[in-house]
């Protein structure tokens, strides 16, 4: 199953929105500053992402990339997850029909 960048973005936004109890999240939203994520919510996010995309997704490298946790944005998470899926051979630049409905 190959995930497109748009499908990954929607899936990440959906998972973040569910956990933050927000109707809509934006790429520029900081998980910590804007959405109130703490370590427990990050752990829940990992489980949600793994369930959505069907593969283990470790966020240690993504978190370690920044010096300030407020820099952990929804957009940077989407990019990180897309690259992780690409490295695992699970993403592509093509949109797979029907995938958007599985991530919303």
C-alpha atoms as a PDB file:
ATOM      1  CA  UNK A   1       0.000   0.000   0.000  1.00  0.00           C
ATOM      2  CA  UNK A   2       1.564   3.291  -1.102  1.00  0.00           C
ATOM      3  CA  UNK A   3       0.638   6.513   0.703  1.00  0.00           C
ATOM      4  CA  UNK A   4       0.773   9.808  -1.169  1.00  0.00           C
ATOM      5  CA  UNK A   5       2.093  12.936   0.509  1.00  0.00           C
ATOM      6  CA  UNK A   6      -1.428  14.388   0.568  1.00  0.00           C
ATOM      7  CA  UNK A   7      -2.834  11.225   2.172  1.00  0.00           C
ATOM      8  CA  UNK A   8      -0.111  11.256   4.825  1.00  0.00           C
ATOM      9  CA  UNK A   9      -0.746  14.932   5.535  1.00  0.00           C
ATOM     10  CA  UNK A  10      -4.482  14.309   5.976  1.00  0.00           C
ATOM     11  CA  UNK A  11      -3.809  11.277   8.157  1.00  0.00           C
ATOM     12  CA  UNK A  12      -1.434  13.186  10.410  1.00  0.00           C
ATOM     13  CA  UNK A  13      -3.807  16.141  10.668  1.00  0.00           C
ATOM     14  CA  UNK A  14      -6.666  13.781  11.495  1.00  0.00           C
ATOM     15  CA  UNK A  15      -4.741  12.013  14.238  1.00  0.00           C
ATOM     16  CA  UNK A  16      -3.592  15.307  15.761  1.00  0.00           C
ATOM     17  CA  UNK A  17      -7.097  16.797  15.564  1.00  0.00           C
ATOM     18  CA  UNK A  18      -8.630  13.795  17.310  1.00  0.00           C
ATOM     19  CA  UNK A  19      -6.133  13.873  20.168  1.00  0.00           C
ATOM     20  CA  UNK A  20      -6.196  17.647  20.564  1.00  0.00           C
ATOM     21  CA  UNK A  21     -10.006  17.746  20.418  1.00  0.00           C
ATOM     22  CA  UNK A  22      -9.715  20.471  17.769  1.00  0.00           C
ATOM     23  CA  UNK A  23     -11.973  20.486  14.752  1.00  0.00           C
ATOM     24  CA  UNK A  24      -9.191  21.600  12.485  1.00  0.00           C
ATOM     25  CA  UNK A  25      -5.427  21.833  12.823  1.00  0.00           C
ATOM     26  CA  UNK A  26      -3.021  23.702  10.566  1.00  0.00           C
ATOM     27  CA  UNK A  27       0.450  22.740   9.410  1.00  0.00           C
ATOM     28  CA  UNK A  28       1.952  25.658  11.335  1.00  0.00           C
ATOM     29  CA  UNK A  29       0.345  24.653  14.659  1.00  0.00           C
ATOM     30  CA  UNK A  30       2.855  23.655  17.323  1.00  0.00           C
ATOM     31  CA  UNK A  31       1.853  20.418  19.011  1.00  0.00           C
ATOM     32  CA  UNK A  32       3.182  21.713  22.340  1.00  0.00           C
ATOM     33  CA  UNK A  33       2.429  25.436  22.268  1.00  0.00           C
ATOM     34  CA  UNK A  34      -0.784  25.615  20.223  1.00  0.00           C
ATOM     35  CA  UNK A  35      -2.338  22.199  20.802  1.00  0.00           C
ATOM     36  CA  UNK A  36      -1.204  21.388  24.349  1.00  0.00           C
ATOM     37  CA  UNK A  37       0.527  18.069  23.648  1.00  0.00           C
ATOM     38  CA  UNK A  38       2.555  16.551  26.472  1.00  0.00           C
ATOM     39  CA  UNK A  39       4.507  13.283  26.591  1.00  0.00           C
ATOM     40  CA  UNK A  40       1.342  11.229  27.157  1.00  0.00           C
ATOM     41  CA  UNK A  41      -0.408  12.755  24.137  1.00  0.00           C
ATOM     42  CA  UNK A  42       2.728  12.222  22.031  1.00  0.00           C
ATOM     43  CA  UNK A  43       2.677   8.527  23.018  1.00  0.00           C
ATOM     44  CA  UNK A  44      -1.013   8.348  22.064  1.00  0.00           C
ATOM     45  CA  UNK A  45      -0.175  10.078  18.781  1.00  0.00           C
ATOM     46  CA  UNK A  46       2.444   7.430  17.982  1.00  0.00           C
ATOM     47  CA  UNK A  47      -0.137   4.682  18.500  1.00  0.00           C
ATOM     48  CA  UNK A  48      -2.710   6.509  16.378  1.00  0.00           C
ATOM     49  CA  UNK A  49      -0.240   7.057  13.537  1.00  0.00           C
ATOM     50  CA  UNK A  50       0.852   3.422  13.617  1.00  0.00           C
ATOM     51  CA  UNK A  51      -2.773   2.311  13.438  1.00  0.00           C
ATOM     52  CA  UNK A  52      -3.565   4.694  10.564  1.00  0.00           C
ATOM     53  CA  UNK A  53      -0.535   3.832   8.467  1.00  0.00           C
ATOM     54  CA  UNK A  54      -0.155   0.168   9.417  1.00  0.00           C
ATOM     55  CA  UNK A  55       3.510   0.306  10.370  1.00  0.00           C
ATOM     56  CA  UNK A  56       5.638   1.297  13.369  1.00  0.00           C
ATOM     57  CA  UNK A  57       6.426   5.008  13.404  1.00  0.00           C
ATOM     58  CA  UNK A  58       9.070   6.192  15.837  1.00  0.00           C
ATOM     59  CA  UNK A  59       9.097   9.913  16.592  1.00  0.00           C
ATOM     60  CA  UNK A  60      12.388  10.048  18.540  1.00  0.00           C
ATOM     61  CA  UNK A  61      14.359  11.410  15.572  1.00  0.00           C
ATOM     62  CA  UNK A  62      11.661  13.971  14.751  1.00  0.00           C
ATOM     63  CA  UNK A  63      11.603  15.207  18.340  1.00  0.00           C
ATOM     64  CA  UNK A  64      15.418  15.208  18.512  1.00  0.00           C
ATOM     65  CA  UNK A  65      15.703  17.428  15.409  1.00  0.00           C
ATOM     66  CA  UNK A  66      14.642  20.567  17.258  1.00  0.00           C
ATOM     67  CA  UNK A  67      16.172  22.499  20.131  1.00  0.00           C
ATOM     68  CA  UNK A  68      12.811  23.885  21.270  1.00  0.00           C
ATOM     69  CA  UNK A  69       9.777  21.575  21.580  1.00  0.00           C
ATOM     70  CA  UNK A  70       7.479  24.386  20.389  1.00  0.00           C
ATOM     71  CA  UNK A  71       9.054  23.875  16.937  1.00  0.00           C
ATOM     72  CA  UNK A  72       7.337  20.493  16.633  1.00  0.00           C
ATOM     73  CA  UNK A  73       4.596  21.439  14.193  1.00  0.00           C
ATOM     74  CA  UNK A  74       1.842  19.476  12.509  1.00  0.00           C
ATOM     75  CA  UNK A  75       3.490  20.197   9.142  1.00  0.00           C
ATOM     76  CA  UNK A  76       6.925  18.985  10.209  1.00  0.00           C
ATOM     77  CA  UNK A  77       5.321  15.836  11.620  1.00  0.00           C
ATOM     78  CA  UNK A  78       3.594  15.187   8.291  1.00  0.00           C
ATOM     79  CA  UNK A  79       6.893  15.557   6.435  1.00  0.00           C
ATOM     80  CA  UNK A  80       8.652  13.270   8.910  1.00  0.00           C
ATOM     81  CA  UNK A  81       5.971  10.562   8.690  1.00  0.00           C
ATOM     82  CA  UNK A  82       5.946  10.739   4.878  1.00  0.00           C
ATOM     83  CA  UNK A  83       9.727  10.282   4.782  1.00  0.00           C
ATOM     84  CA  UNK A  84       9.538   7.404   7.292  1.00  0.00           C
ATOM     85  CA  UNK A  85       6.926   5.691   5.133  1.00  0.00           C
ATOM     86  CA  UNK A  86       8.984   6.367   1.991  1.00  0.00           C
ATOM     87  CA  UNK A  87      12.044   4.779   3.588  1.00  0.00           C
ATOM     88  CA  UNK A  88       9.906   1.773   4.476  1.00  0.00           C
ATOM     89  CA  UNK A  89       8.691   1.594   0.856  1.00  0.00           C
ATOM     90  CA  UNK A  90       5.148   2.582   1.827  1.00  0.00           C
ATOM     91  CA  UNK A  91       4.778   6.010   0.220  1.00  0.00           C
ATOM     92  CA  UNK A  92       4.781   7.377  -3.298  1.00  0.00           C
ATOM     93  CA  UNK A  93       4.126  10.576  -5.176  1.00  0.00           C
ATOM     94  CA  UNK A  94       0.966   9.099  -6.686  1.00  0.00           C
ATOM     95  CA  UNK A  95      -2.418   9.345  -4.995  1.00  0.00           C
ATOM     96  CA  UNK A  96      -3.935   5.981  -4.287  1.00  0.00           C
ATOM     97  CA  UNK A  97      -7.721   5.878  -4.895  1.00  0.00           C
ATOM     98  CA  UNK A  98      -9.730   5.459  -1.737  1.00  0.00           C
ATOM     99  CA  UNK A  99      -6.899   6.237   0.649  1.00  0.00           C
ATOM    100  CA  UNK A 100      -8.198   9.608   1.799  1.00  0.00           C
ATOM    101  CA  UNK A 101     -11.301   8.028   3.267  1.00  0.00           C
ATOM    102  CA  UNK A 102      -9.175   5.729   5.416  1.00  0.00           C
ATOM    103  CA  UNK A 103      -7.340   8.681   6.979  1.00  0.00           C
ATOM    104  CA  UNK A 104     -10.233  11.014   7.725  1.00  0.00           C
END
